[in-house]
mmCIF file of all heavy atoms, coordinates in Angstrom:
data_MODEL
# 
_entry.id   MODEL 
# 
loop_
_atom_site.group_PDB 
_atom_site.id 
_atom_site.type_symbol 
_atom_site.label_atom_id 
_atom_site.label_alt_id 
_atom_site.label_comp_id 
_atom_site.label_asym_id 
_atom_site.label_entity_id 
_atom_site.label_seq_id 
_atom_site.pdbx_PDB_ins_code 
_atom_site.Cartn_x 
_atom_site.Cartn_y 
_atom_site.Cartn_z 
_atom_site.occupancy 
_atom_site.B_iso_or_equiv 
_atom_site.pdbx_formal_charge 
_atom_site.auth_seq_id 
_atom_site.auth_comp_id 
_atom_site.auth_asym_id 
_atom_site.auth_atom_id 
_atom_site.pdbx_PDB_model_num 
ATOM 1   N N   . LEU A 1 1  ? -102.692 -153.195 -110.721 1.00 0.00 ? 1  LEU A N   1 
ATOM 2   C CA  . LEU A 1 1  ? -101.231 -153.350 -110.595 1.00 0.00 ? 1  LEU A CA  1 
ATOM 3   C C   . LEU A 1 1  ? -100.533 -152.974 -111.898 1.00 0.00 ? 1  LEU A C   1 
ATOM 4   O O   . LEU A 1 1  ? -99.508  -152.284 -111.886 1.00 0.00 ? 1  LEU A O   1 
ATOM 5   C CB  . LEU A 1 1  ? -100.870 -154.779 -110.197 1.00 0.00 ? 1  LEU A CB  1 
ATOM 6   C CG  . LEU A 1 1  ? -101.261 -155.228 -108.796 1.00 0.00 ? 1  LEU A CG  1 
ATOM 7   C CD1 . LEU A 1 1  ? -100.912 -156.709 -108.598 1.00 0.00 ? 1  LEU A CD1 1 
ATOM 8   C CD2 . LEU A 1 1  ? -100.593 -154.369 -107.734 1.00 0.00 ? 1  LEU A CD2 1 
ATOM 9   N N   . GLU A 1 2  ? -101.088 -153.417 -113.022 1.00 0.00 ? 2  GLU A N   1 
ATOM 10  C CA  . GLU A 1 2  ? -100.482 -153.100 -114.315 1.00 0.00 ? 2  GLU A CA  1 
ATOM 11  C C   . GLU A 1 2  ? -100.512 -151.601 -114.591 1.00 0.00 ? 2  GLU A C   1 
ATOM 12  O O   . GLU A 1 2  ? -99.526  -151.021 -115.047 1.00 0.00 ? 2  GLU A O   1 
ATOM 13  C CB  . GLU A 1 2  ? -101.187 -153.886 -115.428 1.00 0.00 ? 2  GLU A CB  1 
ATOM 14  C CG  . GLU A 1 2  ? -100.895 -155.370 -115.360 1.00 0.00 ? 2  GLU A CG  1 
ATOM 15  C CD  . GLU A 1 2  ? -101.761 -156.206 -116.302 1.00 0.00 ? 2  GLU A CD  1 
ATOM 16  O OE1 . GLU A 1 2  ? -102.705 -155.657 -116.944 1.00 0.00 ? 2  GLU A OE1 1 
ATOM 17  O OE2 . GLU A 1 2  ? -101.498 -157.418 -116.411 1.00 0.00 ? 2  GLU A OE2 1 
ATOM 18  N N   . ALA A 1 3  ? -101.643 -150.953 -114.295 1.00 0.00 ? 3  ALA A N   1 
ATOM 19  C CA  . ALA A 1 3  ? -101.757 -149.511 -114.515 1.00 0.00 ? 3  ALA A CA  1 
ATOM 20  C C   . ALA A 1 3  ? -100.819 -148.745 -113.581 1.00 0.00 ? 3  ALA A C   1 
ATOM 21  O O   . ALA A 1 3  ? -100.182 -147.769 -113.997 1.00 0.00 ? 3  ALA A O   1 
ATOM 22  C CB  . ALA A 1 3  ? -103.202 -149.057 -114.302 1.00 0.00 ? 3  ALA A CB  1 
ATOM 23  N N   . MET A 1 4  ? -100.715 -149.193 -112.337 1.00 0.00 ? 4  MET A N   1 
ATOM 24  C CA  . MET A 1 4  ? -99.819  -148.519 -111.387 1.00 0.00 ? 4  MET A CA  1 
ATOM 25  C C   . MET A 1 4  ? -98.364  -148.686 -111.805 1.00 0.00 ? 4  MET A C   1 
ATOM 26  O O   . MET A 1 4  ? -97.576  -147.747 -111.716 1.00 0.00 ? 4  MET A O   1 
ATOM 27  C CB  . MET A 1 4  ? -100.048 -149.038 -109.968 1.00 0.00 ? 4  MET A CB  1 
ATOM 28  C CG  . MET A 1 4  ? -101.373 -148.608 -109.373 1.00 0.00 ? 4  MET A CG  1 
ATOM 29  S SD  . MET A 1 4  ? -101.555 -149.138 -107.675 1.00 0.00 ? 4  MET A SD  1 
ATOM 30  C CE  . MET A 1 4  ? -100.540 -147.889 -106.871 1.00 0.00 ? 4  MET A CE  1 
ATOM 31  N N   . ALA A 1 5  ? -97.991  -149.868 -112.269 1.00 0.00 ? 5  ALA A N   1 
ATOM 32  C CA  . ALA A 1 5  ? -96.618  -150.099 -112.710 1.00 0.00 ? 5  ALA A CA  1 
ATOM 33  C C   . ALA A 1 5  ? -96.297  -149.233 -113.931 1.00 0.00 ? 5  ALA A C   1 
ATOM 34  O O   . ALA A 1 5  ? -95.213  -148.649 -114.022 1.00 0.00 ? 5  ALA A O   1 
ATOM 35  C CB  . ALA A 1 5  ? -96.400  -151.574 -113.022 1.00 0.00 ? 5  ALA A CB  1 
ATOM 36  N N   . GLU A 1 6  ? -97.245  -149.111 -114.839 1.00 0.00 ? 6  GLU A N   1 
ATOM 37  C CA  . GLU A 1 6  ? -97.032  -148.282 -116.027 1.00 0.00 ? 6  GLU A CA  1 
ATOM 38  C C   . GLU A 1 6  ? -96.938  -146.797 -115.647 1.00 0.00 ? 6  GLU A C   1 
ATOM 39  O O   . GLU A 1 6  ? -96.107  -146.069 -116.194 1.00 0.00 ? 6  GLU A O   1 
ATOM 40  C CB  . GLU A 1 6  ? -98.179  -148.491 -117.019 1.00 0.00 ? 6  GLU A CB  1 
ATOM 41  C CG  . GLU A 1 6  ? -97.973  -147.768 -118.326 1.00 0.00 ? 6  GLU A CG  1 
ATOM 42  C CD  . GLU A 1 6  ? -99.077  -148.072 -119.329 1.00 0.00 ? 6  GLU A CD  1 
ATOM 43  O OE1 . GLU A 1 6  ? -99.473  -149.255 -119.445 1.00 0.00 ? 6  GLU A OE1 1 
ATOM 44  O OE2 . GLU A 1 6  ? -99.531  -147.129 -119.987 1.00 0.00 ? 6  GLU A OE2 1 
ATOM 45  N N   . GLY A 1 7  ? -97.766  -146.368 -114.703 1.00 0.00 ? 7  GLY A N   1 
ATOM 46  C CA  . GLY A 1 7  ? -97.763  -144.970 -114.280 1.00 0.00 ? 7  GLY A CA  1 
ATOM 47  C C   . GLY A 1 7  ? -96.640  -144.606 -113.315 1.00 0.00 ? 7  GLY A C   1 
ATOM 48  O O   . GLY A 1 7  ? -96.398  -143.427 -113.063 1.00 0.00 ? 7  GLY A O   1 
ATOM 49  N N   . ASN A 1 8  ? -95.972  -145.610 -112.770 1.00 0.00 ? 8  ASN A N   1 
ATOM 50  C CA  . ASN A 1 8  ? -94.881  -145.400 -111.804 1.00 0.00 ? 8  ASN A CA  1 
ATOM 51  C C   . ASN A 1 8  ? -93.698  -146.271 -112.221 1.00 0.00 ? 8  ASN A C   1 
ATOM 52  O O   . ASN A 1 8  ? -93.341  -147.223 -111.526 1.00 0.00 ? 8  ASN A O   1 
ATOM 53  C CB  . ASN A 1 8  ? -95.348  -145.778 -110.392 1.00 0.00 ? 8  ASN A CB  1 
ATOM 54  C CG  . ASN A 1 8  ? -96.524  -144.968 -109.920 1.00 0.00 ? 8  ASN A CG  1 
ATOM 55  O OD1 . ASN A 1 8  ? -96.364  -143.844 -109.477 1.00 0.00 ? 8  ASN A OD1 1 
ATOM 56  N ND2 . ASN A 1 8  ? -97.724  -145.526 -110.033 1.00 0.00 ? 8  ASN A ND2 1 
ATOM 57  N N   . PRO A 1 9  ? -93.057  -145.956 -113.355 1.00 0.00 ? 9  PRO A N   1 
ATOM 58  C CA  . PRO A 1 9  ? -92.039  -146.855 -113.904 1.00 0.00 ? 9  PRO A CA  1 
ATOM 59  C C   . PRO A 1 9  ? -90.792  -147.012 -113.046 1.00 0.00 ? 9  PRO A C   1 
ATOM 60  O O   . PRO A 1 9  ? -90.053  -147.981 -113.228 1.00 0.00 ? 9  PRO A O   1 
ATOM 61  C CB  . PRO A 1 9  ? -91.699  -146.224 -115.259 1.00 0.00 ? 9  PRO A CB  1 
ATOM 62  C CG  . PRO A 1 9  ? -92.114  -144.799 -115.143 1.00 0.00 ? 9  PRO A CG  1 
ATOM 63  C CD  . PRO A 1 9  ? -93.273  -144.779 -114.185 1.00 0.00 ? 9  PRO A CD  1 
ATOM 64  N N   . THR A 1 10 ? -90.558  -146.111 -112.099 1.00 0.00 ? 10 THR A N   1 
ATOM 65  C CA  . THR A 1 10 ? -89.368  -146.236 -111.237 1.00 0.00 ? 10 THR A CA  1 
ATOM 66  C C   . THR A 1 10 ? -89.667  -147.017 -109.957 1.00 0.00 ? 10 THR A C   1 
ATOM 67  O O   . THR A 1 10 ? -88.765  -147.228 -109.148 1.00 0.00 ? 10 THR A O   1 
ATOM 68  C CB  . THR A 1 10 ? -88.816  -144.850 -110.865 1.00 0.00 ? 10 THR A CB  1 
ATOM 69  O OG1 . THR A 1 10 ? -89.824  -144.138 -110.130 1.00 0.00 ? 10 THR A OG1 1 
ATOM 70  C CG2 . THR A 1 10 ? -88.408  -144.070 -112.102 1.00 0.00 ? 10 THR A CG2 1 
ATOM 71  N N   . VAL A 1 11 ? -90.908  -147.443 -109.783 1.00 0.00 ? 11 VAL A N   1 
ATOM 72  C CA  . VAL A 1 11 ? -91.317  -148.179 -108.585 1.00 0.00 ? 11 VAL A CA  1 
ATOM 73  C C   . VAL A 1 11 ? -91.310  -149.675 -108.889 1.00 0.00 ? 11 VAL A C   1 
ATOM 74  O O   . VAL A 1 11 ? -91.762  -150.103 -109.950 1.00 0.00 ? 11 VAL A O   1 
ATOM 75  C CB  . VAL A 1 11 ? -92.719  -147.724 -108.114 1.00 0.00 ? 11 VAL A CB  1 
ATOM 76  C CG1 . VAL A 1 11 ? -93.214  -148.561 -106.949 1.00 0.00 ? 11 VAL A CG1 1 
ATOM 77  C CG2 . VAL A 1 11 ? -92.697  -146.237 -107.749 1.00 0.00 ? 11 VAL A CG2 1 
ATOM 78  N N   . THR A 1 12 ? -90.795  -150.462 -107.949 1.00 0.00 ? 12 THR A N   1 
ATOM 79  C CA  . THR A 1 12 ? -90.816  -151.920 -108.066 1.00 0.00 ? 12 THR A CA  1 
ATOM 80  C C   . THR A 1 12 ? -92.069  -152.438 -107.363 1.00 0.00 ? 12 THR A C   1 
ATOM 81  O O   . THR A 1 12 ? -92.368  -152.028 -106.236 1.00 0.00 ? 12 THR A O   1 
ATOM 82  C CB  . THR A 1 12 ? -89.566  -152.529 -107.403 1.00 0.00 ? 12 THR A CB  1 
ATOM 83  O OG1 . THR A 1 12 ? -88.409  -152.022 -108.073 1.00 0.00 ? 12 THR A OG1 1 
ATOM 84  C CG2 . THR A 1 12 ? -89.588  -154.041 -107.482 1.00 0.00 ? 12 THR A CG2 1 
ATOM 85  N N   . PHE A 1 13 ? -92.809  -153.325 -108.010 1.00 0.00 ? 13 PHE A N   1 
ATOM 86  C CA  . PHE A 1 13 ? -94.008  -153.914 -107.436 1.00 0.00 ? 13 PHE A CA  1 
ATOM 87  C C   . PHE A 1 13 ? -93.777  -155.404 -107.204 1.00 0.00 ? 13 PHE A C   1 
ATOM 88  O O   . PHE A 1 13 ? -93.304  -156.102 -108.105 1.00 0.00 ? 13 PHE A O   1 
ATOM 89  C CB  . PHE A 1 13 ? -95.213  -153.732 -108.372 1.00 0.00 ? 13 PHE A CB  1 
ATOM 90  C CG  . PHE A 1 13 ? -95.699  -152.314 -108.445 1.00 0.00 ? 13 PHE A CG  1 
ATOM 91  C CD1 . PHE A 1 13 ? -95.075  -151.390 -109.271 1.00 0.00 ? 13 PHE A CD1 1 
ATOM 92  C CD2 . PHE A 1 13 ? -96.772  -151.899 -107.671 1.00 0.00 ? 13 PHE A CD2 1 
ATOM 93  C CE1 . PHE A 1 13 ? -95.507  -150.082 -109.339 1.00 0.00 ? 13 PHE A CE1 1 
ATOM 94  C CE2 . PHE A 1 13 ? -97.214  -150.593 -107.730 1.00 0.00 ? 13 PHE A CE2 1 
ATOM 95  C CZ  . PHE A 1 13 ? -96.581  -149.674 -108.559 1.00 0.00 ? 13 PHE A CZ  1 
ATOM 96  N N   . VAL A 1 14 ? -94.105  -155.893 -105.997 1.00 0.00 ? 14 VAL A N   1 
ATOM 97  C CA  . VAL A 1 14 ? -94.059  -157.320 -105.698 1.00 0.00 ? 14 VAL A CA  1 
ATOM 98  C C   . VAL A 1 14 ? -95.405  -157.717 -105.096 1.00 0.00 ? 14 VAL A C   1 
ATOM 99  O O   . VAL A 1 14 ? -95.946  -157.006 -104.252 1.00 0.00 ? 14 VAL A O   1 
ATOM 100 C CB  . VAL A 1 14 ? -92.894  -157.706 -104.754 1.00 0.00 ? 14 VAL A CB  1 
ATOM 101 C CG1 . VAL A 1 14 ? -91.551  -157.487 -105.415 1.00 0.00 ? 14 VAL A CG1 1 
ATOM 102 C CG2 . VAL A 1 14 ? -92.960  -156.956 -103.452 1.00 0.00 ? 14 VAL A CG2 1 
ATOM 103 N N   . ALA A 1 15 ? -95.939  -158.829 -105.560 1.00 0.00 ? 15 ALA A N   1 
ATOM 104 C CA  . ALA A 1 15 ? -97.250  -159.280 -105.089 1.00 0.00 ? 15 ALA A CA  1 
ATOM 105 C C   . ALA A 1 15 ? -97.227  -160.784 -104.869 1.00 0.00 ? 15 ALA A C   1 
ATOM 106 O O   . ALA A 1 15 ? -96.622  -161.518 -105.654 1.00 0.00 ? 15 ALA A O   1 
ATOM 107 C CB  . ALA A 1 15 ? -98.337  -158.923 -106.102 1.00 0.00 ? 15 ALA A CB  1 
ATOM 108 N N   . GLY A 1 16 ? -97.893  -161.214 -103.816 1.00 0.00 ? 16 GLY A N   1 
ATOM 109 C CA  . GLY A 1 16 ? -98.040  -162.636 -103.579 1.00 0.00 ? 16 GLY A CA  1 
ATOM 110 C C   . GLY A 1 16 ? -98.946  -163.274 -104.612 1.00 0.00 ? 16 GLY A C   1 
ATOM 111 O O   . GLY A 1 16 ? -98.753  -164.418 -105.022 1.00 0.00 ? 16 GLY A O   1 
ATOM 112 N N   . ARG A 1 17 ? -99.959  -162.487 -105.048 1.00 0.00 ? 17 ARG A N   1 
ATOM 113 C CA  . ARG A 1 17 ? -100.914 -162.998 -106.027 1.00 0.00 ? 17 ARG A CA  1 
ATOM 114 C C   . ARG A 1 17 ? -101.541 -161.823 -106.755 1.00 0.00 ? 17 ARG A C   1 
ATOM 115 O O   . ARG A 1 17 ? -101.842 -160.797 -106.151 1.00 0.00 ? 17 ARG A O   1 
ATOM 116 C CB  . ARG A 1 17 ? -102.013 -163.791 -105.312 1.00 0.00 ? 17 ARG A CB  1 
ATOM 117 C CG  . ARG A 1 17 ? -103.056 -164.400 -106.219 1.00 0.00 ? 17 ARG A CG  1 
ATOM 118 C CD  . ARG A 1 17 ? -104.011 -165.304 -105.437 1.00 0.00 ? 17 ARG A CD  1 
ATOM 119 N NE  . ARG A 1 17 ? -105.030 -164.577 -104.726 1.00 0.00 ? 17 ARG A NE  1 
ATOM 120 C CZ  . ARG A 1 17 ? -106.227 -164.258 -105.225 1.00 0.00 ? 17 ARG A CZ  1 
ATOM 121 N NH1 . ARG A 1 17 ? -106.534 -164.588 -106.456 1.00 0.00 ? 17 ARG A NH1 1 
ATOM 122 N NH2 . ARG A 1 17 ? -107.104 -163.616 -104.496 1.00 0.00 ? 17 ARG A NH2 1 
ATOM 123 N N   . ALA A 1 18 ? -101.725 -161.976 -108.065 1.00 0.00 ? 18 ALA A N   1 
ATOM 124 C CA  . ALA A 1 18 ? -102.482 -161.012 -108.846 1.00 0.00 ? 18 ALA A CA  1 
ATOM 125 C C   . ALA A 1 18 ? -103.836 -161.631 -109.148 1.00 0.00 ? 18 ALA A C   1 
ATOM 126 O O   . ALA A 1 18 ? -103.919 -162.779 -109.575 1.00 0.00 ? 18 ALA A O   1 
ATOM 127 C CB  . ALA A 1 18 ? -101.749 -160.661 -110.136 1.00 0.00 ? 18 ALA A CB  1 
ATOM 128 N N   . SER A 1 19 ? -104.898 -160.870 -108.884 1.00 0.00 ? 19 SER A N   1 
ATOM 129 C CA  . SER A 1 19 ? -106.257 -161.367 -109.071 1.00 0.00 ? 19 SER A CA  1 
ATOM 130 C C   . SER A 1 19 ? -106.888 -160.707 -110.293 1.00 0.00 ? 19 SER A C   1 
ATOM 131 O O   . SER A 1 19 ? -106.677 -159.529 -110.549 1.00 0.00 ? 19 SER A O   1 
ATOM 132 C CB  . SER A 1 19 ? -107.102 -161.050 -107.831 1.00 0.00 ? 19 SER A CB  1 
ATOM 133 O OG  . SER A 1 19 ? -108.447 -161.426 -108.045 1.00 0.00 ? 19 SER A OG  1 
ATOM 134 N N   . ASP A 1 20 ? -107.680 -161.467 -111.005 1.00 0.00 ? 20 ASP A N   1 
ATOM 135 C CA  . ASP A 1 20 ? -108.412 -160.917 -112.136 1.00 0.00 ? 20 ASP A CA  1 
ATOM 136 C C   . ASP A 1 20 ? -109.812 -160.478 -111.731 1.00 0.00 ? 20 ASP A C   1 
ATOM 137 O O   . ASP A 1 20 ? -110.615 -160.108 -112.583 1.00 0.00 ? 20 ASP A O   1 
ATOM 138 C CB  . ASP A 1 20 ? -108.493 -161.962 -113.262 1.00 0.00 ? 20 ASP A CB  1 
ATOM 139 C CG  . ASP A 1 20 ? -107.123 -162.236 -113.859 1.00 0.00 ? 20 ASP A CG  1 
ATOM 140 O OD1 . ASP A 1 20 ? -106.395 -161.255 -114.129 1.00 0.00 ? 20 ASP A OD1 1 
ATOM 141 O OD2 . ASP A 1 20 ? -106.770 -163.410 -114.033 1.00 0.00 ? 20 ASP A OD2 1 
ATOM 142 N N   . ARG A 1 21 ? -110.070 -160.495 -110.430 1.00 0.00 ? 21 ARG A N   1 
ATOM 143 C CA  . ARG A 1 21 ? -111.387 -160.120 -109.921 1.00 0.00 ? 21 ARG A CA  1 
ATOM 144 C C   . ARG A 1 21 ? -111.234 -158.937 -108.975 1.00 0.00 ? 21 ARG A C   1 
ATOM 145 O O   . ARG A 1 21 ? -110.463 -158.986 -108.017 1.00 0.00 ? 21 ARG A O   1 
ATOM 146 C CB  . ARG A 1 21 ? -111.999 -161.312 -109.172 1.00 0.00 ? 21 ARG A CB  1 
ATOM 147 C CG  . ARG A 1 21 ? -113.409 -161.094 -108.720 1.00 0.00 ? 21 ARG A CG  1 
ATOM 148 C CD  . ARG A 1 21 ? -113.949 -162.359 -108.129 1.00 0.00 ? 21 ARG A CD  1 
ATOM 149 N NE  . ARG A 1 21 ? -113.479 -162.530 -106.766 1.00 0.00 ? 21 ARG A NE  1 
ATOM 150 C CZ  . ARG A 1 21 ? -114.271 -162.810 -105.741 1.00 0.00 ? 21 ARG A CZ  1 
ATOM 151 N NH1 . ARG A 1 21 ? -115.549 -162.980 -105.922 1.00 0.00 ? 21 ARG A NH1 1 
ATOM 152 N NH2 . ARG A 1 21 ? -113.759 -162.951 -104.541 1.00 0.00 ? 21 ARG A NH2 1 
ATOM 153 N N   . SER A 1 22 ? -111.974 -157.873 -109.231 1.00 0.00 ? 22 SER A N   1 
ATOM 154 C CA  . SER A 1 22 ? -111.997 -156.715 -108.341 1.00 0.00 ? 22 SER A CA  1 
ATOM 155 C C   . SER A 1 22 ? -113.022 -156.980 -107.254 1.00 0.00 ? 22 SER A C   1 
ATOM 156 O O   . SER A 1 22 ? -114.140 -157.414 -107.531 1.00 0.00 ? 22 SER A O   1 
ATOM 157 C CB  . SER A 1 22 ? -112.395 -155.468 -109.131 1.00 0.00 ? 22 SER A CB  1 
ATOM 158 O OG  . SER A 1 22 ? -112.514 -154.369 -108.268 1.00 0.00 ? 22 SER A OG  1 
ATOM 159 N N   . TYR A 1 23 ? -112.634 -156.751 -106.003 1.00 0.00 ? 23 TYR A N   1 
ATOM 160 C CA  . TYR A 1 23 ? -113.535 -157.057 -104.901 1.00 0.00 ? 23 TYR A CA  1 
ATOM 161 C C   . TYR A 1 23 ? -113.231 -156.169 -103.699 1.00 0.00 ? 23 TYR A C   1 
ATOM 162 O O   . TYR A 1 23 ? -112.071 -156.019 -103.330 1.00 0.00 ? 23 TYR A O   1 
ATOM 163 C CB  . TYR A 1 23 ? -113.377 -158.531 -104.491 1.00 0.00 ? 23 TYR A CB  1 
ATOM 164 C CG  . TYR A 1 23 ? -114.297 -158.931 -103.383 1.00 0.00 ? 23 TYR A CG  1 
ATOM 165 C CD1 . TYR A 1 23 ? -115.634 -159.185 -103.634 1.00 0.00 ? 23 TYR A CD1 1 
ATOM 166 C CD2 . TYR A 1 23 ? -113.837 -159.030 -102.079 1.00 0.00 ? 23 TYR A CD2 1 
ATOM 167 C CE1 . TYR A 1 23 ? -116.499 -159.531 -102.611 1.00 0.00 ? 23 TYR A CE1 1 
ATOM 168 C CE2 . TYR A 1 23 ? -114.689 -159.379 -101.055 1.00 0.00 ? 23 TYR A CE2 1 
ATOM 169 C CZ  . TYR A 1 23 ? -116.021 -159.631 -101.323 1.00 0.00 ? 23 TYR A CZ  1 
ATOM 170 O OH  . TYR A 1 23 ? -116.873 -159.967 -100.321 1.00 0.00 ? 23 TYR A OH  1 
ATOM 171 N N   . CYS A 1 24 ? -114.253 -155.582 -103.140 1.00 0.00 ? 24 CYS A N   1 
ATOM 172 C CA  . CYS A 1 24 ? -114.122 -154.797 -101.906 1.00 0.00 ? 24 CYS A CA  1 
ATOM 173 C C   . CYS A 1 24 ? -114.939 -155.499 -100.831 1.00 0.00 ? 24 CYS A C   1 
ATOM 174 O O   . CYS A 1 24 ? -116.169 -155.572 -100.942 1.00 0.00 ? 24 CYS A O   1 
ATOM 175 C CB  . CYS A 1 24 ? -114.637 -153.376 -102.090 1.00 0.00 ? 24 CYS A CB  1 
ATOM 176 S SG  . CYS A 1 24 ? -113.598 -152.395 -103.165 1.00 0.00 ? 24 CYS A SG  1 
ATOM 177 N N   . GLY A 1 25 ? -114.263 -156.047 -99.824  1.00 0.00 ? 25 GLY A N   1 
ATOM 178 C CA  . GLY A 1 25 ? -114.942 -156.766 -98.758  1.00 0.00 ? 25 GLY A CA  1 
ATOM 179 C C   . GLY A 1 25 ? -115.673 -155.832 -97.807  1.00 0.00 ? 25 GLY A C   1 
ATOM 180 O O   . GLY A 1 25 ? -115.332 -154.663 -97.652  1.00 0.00 ? 25 GLY A O   1 
# 
């Protein structure tokens, strides 16, 4: 999310939760 926000500065990001764990179910 942080990298995407930095790379897309004109885009607004909203998230219910930010996770510090990467996981693919």
